[in-house]
């Protein structure tokens, strides 16, 4: 399993423009083979911080995601949408336990 966990920031003046683009990215990513989950969520203290949580079945499915047209399109939109401060970490081979 591959986990991607982190956050990015959005210019407050661009949030309304960013929401449909984020929704399209989420929907396309969730439809990919090997996607276990794909979430963006707004921080409760700072509403212009977006938390990212992704889980991929394996390295191959994550590699396909990284090479996807919708990810390329999403990244191309960042300057227009005022997205900055991206800080994501990848975790490989997670042992999953209920807590």
N, C-alpha and C. Protein backbone atom coordinates (compact mmCIF):
# COMPACT_ATOMS: atom_id res chain seq x y z
N UNK A 1 0.84 -1.18 0.00
CA UNK A 1 0.00 0.00 0.00
C UNK A 1 0.89 1.24 0.00
N UNK A 2 0.48 2.22 -0.76
CA UNK A 2 1.14 3.52 -0.82
C UNK A 2 0.20 4.55 -0.21
N UNK A 3 0.67 5.29 0.78
CA UNK A 3 -0.11 6.38 1.39
C UNK A 3 0.54 7.70 1.03
N UNK A 4 -0.28 8.67 0.67
CA UNK A 4 0.16 10.03 0.44
C UNK A 4 -0.61 10.90 1.42
N UNK A 5 0.14 11.62 2.25
CA UNK A 5 -0.49 12.45 3.28
C UNK A 5 0.21 13.81 3.29
N UNK A 6 -0.58 14.87 3.34
CA UNK A 6 0.02 16.20 3.39
C UNK A 6 -1.01 17.29 3.25
N UNK A 7 -0.57 18.41 2.71
CA UNK A 7 -1.45 19.57 2.60
C UNK A 7 -0.92 20.52 1.54
N UNK A 8 -1.80 21.43 1.13
CA UNK A 8 -1.41 22.57 0.30
C UNK A 8 -2.27 23.74 0.71
N UNK A 9 -1.91 24.92 0.24
CA UNK A 9 -2.64 26.14 0.56
C UNK A 9 -3.25 26.72 -0.71
N UNK A 10 -4.32 27.48 -0.51
CA UNK A 10 -5.00 28.15 -1.63
C UNK A 10 -5.17 29.63 -1.28
N UNK A 11 -4.92 30.47 -2.24
CA UNK A 11 -5.20 31.90 -2.11
C UNK A 11 -6.69 32.05 -1.79
N UNK A 12 -7.04 32.72 -0.69
CA UNK A 12 -8.46 32.86 -0.32
C UNK A 12 -9.34 33.43 -1.44
N UNK A 13 -8.80 34.32 -2.24
CA UNK A 13 -9.59 34.92 -3.32
C UNK A 13 -9.88 33.93 -4.45
N UNK A 14 -9.21 32.78 -4.46
CA UNK A 14 -9.37 31.81 -5.54
C UNK A 14 -10.12 30.54 -5.13
N UNK A 15 -10.55 30.47 -3.88
CA UNK A 15 -11.17 29.23 -3.38
C UNK A 15 -12.39 28.82 -4.22
N UNK A 16 -13.25 29.74 -4.55
CA UNK A 16 -14.46 29.39 -5.31
C UNK A 16 -14.09 28.85 -6.69
N UNK A 17 -13.06 29.39 -7.31
CA UNK A 17 -12.61 28.89 -8.61
C UNK A 17 -11.95 27.52 -8.48
N UNK A 18 -11.29 27.28 -7.35
CA UNK A 18 -10.55 26.03 -7.16
C UNK A 18 -11.46 24.85 -6.85
N UNK A 19 -12.60 25.08 -6.22
CA UNK A 19 -13.45 23.97 -5.78
C UNK A 19 -13.88 23.04 -6.91
N UNK A 20 -14.39 23.52 -8.04
CA UNK A 20 -14.78 22.58 -9.09
C UNK A 20 -13.58 21.85 -9.71
N UNK A 21 -12.44 22.50 -9.76
CA UNK A 21 -11.24 21.86 -10.30
C UNK A 21 -10.77 20.76 -9.34
N UNK A 22 -10.83 21.03 -8.03
CA UNK A 22 -10.49 20.00 -7.04
C UNK A 22 -11.46 18.83 -7.13
N UNK A 23 -12.75 19.13 -7.27
CA UNK A 23 -13.75 18.07 -7.35
C UNK A 23 -13.50 17.17 -8.56
N UNK A 24 -13.15 17.77 -9.69
CA UNK A 24 -12.85 16.97 -10.88
C UNK A 24 -11.62 16.10 -10.65
N UNK A 25 -10.62 16.63 -9.98
CA UNK A 25 -9.41 15.85 -9.68
C UNK A 25 -9.75 14.68 -8.75
N UNK A 26 -10.53 14.94 -7.73
CA UNK A 26 -10.93 13.89 -6.79
C UNK A 26 -11.72 12.80 -7.51
N UNK A 27 -12.71 13.17 -8.29
CA UNK A 27 -13.54 12.18 -8.99
C UNK A 27 -12.72 11.33 -9.94
N UNK A 28 -11.84 11.96 -10.71
CA UNK A 28 -11.01 11.20 -11.66
C UNK A 28 -10.05 10.27 -10.94
N UNK A 29 -9.48 10.73 -9.83
CA UNK A 29 -8.54 9.90 -9.08
C UNK A 29 -9.25 8.72 -8.43
N UNK A 30 -10.41 8.95 -7.86
CA UNK A 30 -11.16 7.86 -7.23
C UNK A 30 -11.58 6.79 -8.23
N UNK A 31 -11.72 7.17 -9.48
CA UNK A 31 -12.13 6.21 -10.52
C UNK A 31 -10.97 5.36 -11.03
N UNK A 32 -9.76 5.70 -10.65
CA UNK A 32 -8.59 4.97 -11.13
C UNK A 32 -8.49 3.59 -10.48
N UNK A 33 -8.04 2.62 -11.27
CA UNK A 33 -7.77 1.28 -10.73
C UNK A 33 -6.68 1.39 -9.67
N UNK A 34 -6.90 0.74 -8.55
CA UNK A 34 -5.90 0.74 -7.49
C UNK A 34 -6.05 1.84 -6.46
N UNK A 35 -7.00 2.76 -6.69
CA UNK A 35 -7.24 3.82 -5.70
C UNK A 35 -8.08 3.25 -4.58
N UNK A 36 -7.56 3.27 -3.38
CA UNK A 36 -8.30 2.81 -2.20
C UNK A 36 -9.14 3.96 -1.64
N UNK A 37 -8.53 5.12 -1.50
CA UNK A 37 -9.26 6.34 -1.17
C UNK A 37 -8.47 7.55 -1.64
N UNK A 38 -9.18 8.66 -1.83
CA UNK A 38 -8.58 9.90 -2.30
C UNK A 38 -9.42 11.03 -1.72
N UNK A 39 -8.85 11.81 -0.79
CA UNK A 39 -9.63 12.84 -0.09
C UNK A 39 -8.87 14.16 -0.04
N UNK A 40 -9.60 15.24 -0.23
CA UNK A 40 -9.15 16.58 0.12
C UNK A 40 -10.12 17.06 1.19
N UNK A 41 -9.61 17.72 2.22
CA UNK A 41 -10.49 18.28 3.24
C UNK A 41 -9.97 19.63 3.70
N UNK A 42 -10.90 20.50 4.05
CA UNK A 42 -10.57 21.84 4.51
C UNK A 42 -10.21 21.80 5.98
N UNK A 43 -9.13 22.48 6.33
CA UNK A 43 -8.71 22.57 7.73
C UNK A 43 -9.74 23.38 8.53
N UNK A 44 -10.06 22.91 9.72
CA UNK A 44 -11.09 23.57 10.54
C UNK A 44 -10.59 24.88 11.15
N UNK A 45 -9.29 25.07 11.28
CA UNK A 45 -8.74 26.29 11.86
C UNK A 45 -8.37 27.30 10.78
N UNK A 46 -7.79 26.81 9.69
CA UNK A 46 -7.40 27.67 8.57
C UNK A 46 -8.08 27.14 7.31
N UNK A 47 -9.19 27.73 6.89
CA UNK A 47 -9.97 27.19 5.77
C UNK A 47 -9.29 27.29 4.41
N UNK A 48 -8.08 27.82 4.36
CA UNK A 48 -7.36 27.89 3.10
C UNK A 48 -6.19 26.90 3.07
N UNK A 49 -6.20 25.98 4.03
CA UNK A 49 -5.31 24.83 4.02
C UNK A 49 -6.17 23.62 3.64
N UNK A 50 -5.73 22.90 2.63
CA UNK A 50 -6.42 21.70 2.18
C UNK A 50 -5.56 20.49 2.54
N UNK A 51 -6.13 19.59 3.31
CA UNK A 51 -5.43 18.36 3.68
C UNK A 51 -5.67 17.30 2.61
N UNK A 52 -4.63 16.55 2.32
CA UNK A 52 -4.66 15.52 1.29
C UNK A 52 -4.41 14.17 1.94
N UNK A 53 -5.26 13.19 1.60
CA UNK A 53 -5.07 11.79 2.02
C UNK A 53 -5.37 10.91 0.83
N UNK A 54 -4.41 10.09 0.46
CA UNK A 54 -4.58 9.15 -0.65
C UNK A 54 -4.05 7.80 -0.22
N UNK A 55 -4.66 6.75 -0.72
CA UNK A 55 -4.12 5.39 -0.54
C UNK A 55 -4.25 4.67 -1.87
N UNK A 56 -3.16 4.03 -2.26
CA UNK A 56 -3.08 3.30 -3.52
C UNK A 56 -2.71 1.86 -3.23
N UNK A 57 -3.28 0.98 -4.00
CA UNK A 57 -3.09 -0.45 -3.79
C UNK A 57 -1.62 -0.86 -3.84
N UNK A 58 -0.88 -0.29 -4.79
CA UNK A 58 0.51 -0.69 -4.97
C UNK A 58 1.26 0.39 -5.75
N UNK A 59 2.55 0.16 -5.92
CA UNK A 59 3.39 1.13 -6.61
C UNK A 59 2.95 1.33 -8.06
N UNK A 60 2.50 0.27 -8.72
CA UNK A 60 2.08 0.36 -10.12
C UNK A 60 0.86 1.26 -10.26
N UNK A 61 -0.12 1.12 -9.38
CA UNK A 61 -1.32 1.96 -9.48
C UNK A 61 -0.98 3.42 -9.17
N UNK A 62 -0.08 3.65 -8.23
CA UNK A 62 0.32 5.03 -7.93
C UNK A 62 1.09 5.63 -9.10
N UNK A 63 1.94 4.83 -9.73
CA UNK A 63 2.70 5.32 -10.89
C UNK A 63 1.76 5.73 -12.02
N UNK A 64 0.70 4.96 -12.24
CA UNK A 64 -0.28 5.33 -13.27
C UNK A 64 -0.98 6.63 -12.91
N UNK A 65 -1.28 6.81 -11.65
CA UNK A 65 -1.90 8.06 -11.19
C UNK A 65 -0.97 9.25 -11.46
N UNK A 66 0.30 9.10 -11.10
CA UNK A 66 1.26 10.18 -11.29
C UNK A 66 1.40 10.55 -12.77
N UNK A 67 1.23 9.58 -13.65
CA UNK A 67 1.35 9.82 -15.10
C UNK A 67 0.02 10.21 -15.75
N UNK A 68 -1.05 10.31 -14.99
CA UNK A 68 -2.38 10.54 -15.56
C UNK A 68 -2.55 11.97 -16.11
N UNK A 69 -3.41 12.07 -17.11
CA UNK A 69 -3.73 13.37 -17.69
C UNK A 69 -4.41 14.29 -16.68
N UNK A 70 -5.29 13.73 -15.83
CA UNK A 70 -5.99 14.61 -14.88
C UNK A 70 -5.04 15.16 -13.82
N UNK A 71 -4.00 14.43 -13.44
CA UNK A 71 -3.03 14.99 -12.49
C UNK A 71 -2.20 16.08 -13.18
N UNK A 72 -1.81 15.85 -14.41
CA UNK A 72 -1.07 16.88 -15.16
C UNK A 72 -1.93 18.14 -15.28
N UNK A 73 -3.20 17.97 -15.64
CA UNK A 73 -4.10 19.12 -15.77
C UNK A 73 -4.25 19.85 -14.44
N UNK A 74 -4.42 19.13 -13.35
CA UNK A 74 -4.54 19.71 -12.01
C UNK A 74 -3.32 20.57 -11.69
N UNK A 75 -2.14 20.03 -11.91
CA UNK A 75 -0.92 20.78 -11.60
C UNK A 75 -0.76 22.01 -12.48
N UNK A 76 -1.19 21.91 -13.72
CA UNK A 76 -1.13 23.08 -14.61
C UNK A 76 -2.02 24.21 -14.12
N UNK A 77 -3.05 23.91 -13.35
CA UNK A 77 -4.00 24.91 -12.85
C UNK A 77 -3.52 25.64 -11.60
N UNK A 78 -2.49 25.12 -10.95
CA UNK A 78 -2.06 25.70 -9.67
C UNK A 78 -1.77 27.20 -9.73
N UNK A 79 -1.01 27.70 -10.70
CA UNK A 79 -0.76 29.15 -10.70
C UNK A 79 -2.05 29.97 -10.82
N UNK A 80 -2.95 29.55 -11.68
CA UNK A 80 -4.22 30.27 -11.87
C UNK A 80 -5.09 30.24 -10.61
N UNK A 81 -5.01 29.12 -9.87
CA UNK A 81 -5.86 28.94 -8.70
C UNK A 81 -5.19 29.38 -7.40
N UNK A 82 -3.98 29.88 -7.48
CA UNK A 82 -3.29 30.35 -6.28
C UNK A 82 -2.95 29.24 -5.31
N UNK A 83 -2.60 28.07 -5.84
CA UNK A 83 -2.23 26.94 -4.99
C UNK A 83 -0.73 26.99 -4.75
N UNK A 84 -0.35 26.89 -3.47
CA UNK A 84 1.06 26.97 -3.10
C UNK A 84 1.28 26.20 -1.80
N UNK A 85 2.51 26.14 -1.35
CA UNK A 85 2.82 25.51 -0.07
C UNK A 85 2.54 24.02 -0.04
N UNK A 86 2.65 23.36 -1.19
CA UNK A 86 2.39 21.92 -1.25
C UNK A 86 3.43 21.19 -0.41
N UNK A 87 2.95 20.33 0.48
CA UNK A 87 3.82 19.55 1.36
C UNK A 87 3.19 18.17 1.52
N UNK A 88 3.59 17.22 0.68
CA UNK A 88 3.05 15.86 0.71
C UNK A 88 4.18 14.88 1.00
N UNK A 89 3.86 13.83 1.75
CA UNK A 89 4.80 12.76 2.02
C UNK A 89 4.22 11.45 1.54
N UNK A 90 5.11 10.58 1.08
CA UNK A 90 4.73 9.24 0.62
C UNK A 90 5.20 8.23 1.66
N UNK A 91 4.30 7.32 2.01
CA UNK A 91 4.60 6.24 2.94
C UNK A 91 4.38 4.92 2.21
N UNK A 92 5.39 4.08 2.20
CA UNK A 92 5.34 2.80 1.50
C UNK A 92 5.17 1.65 2.47
N UNK A 93 4.41 0.64 2.03
CA UNK A 93 4.32 -0.60 2.79
C UNK A 93 3.68 -0.46 4.16
N UNK A 94 2.65 0.34 4.25
CA UNK A 94 2.01 0.57 5.55
C UNK A 94 1.34 -0.69 6.07
N UNK A 95 1.48 -0.90 7.35
CA UNK A 95 0.73 -1.95 8.04
C UNK A 95 -0.53 -1.30 8.55
N UNK A 96 -1.67 -1.82 8.14
CA UNK A 96 -2.94 -1.21 8.49
C UNK A 96 -3.58 -1.99 9.64
N UNK A 97 -3.93 -1.25 10.70
CA UNK A 97 -4.63 -1.84 11.85
C UNK A 97 -5.75 -0.90 12.26
N UNK A 98 -6.84 -1.45 12.67
CA UNK A 98 -7.90 -0.62 13.26
C UNK A 98 -7.44 -0.11 14.61
N UNK A 99 -7.88 1.09 14.96
CA UNK A 99 -7.54 1.60 16.29
C UNK A 99 -8.75 2.15 16.98
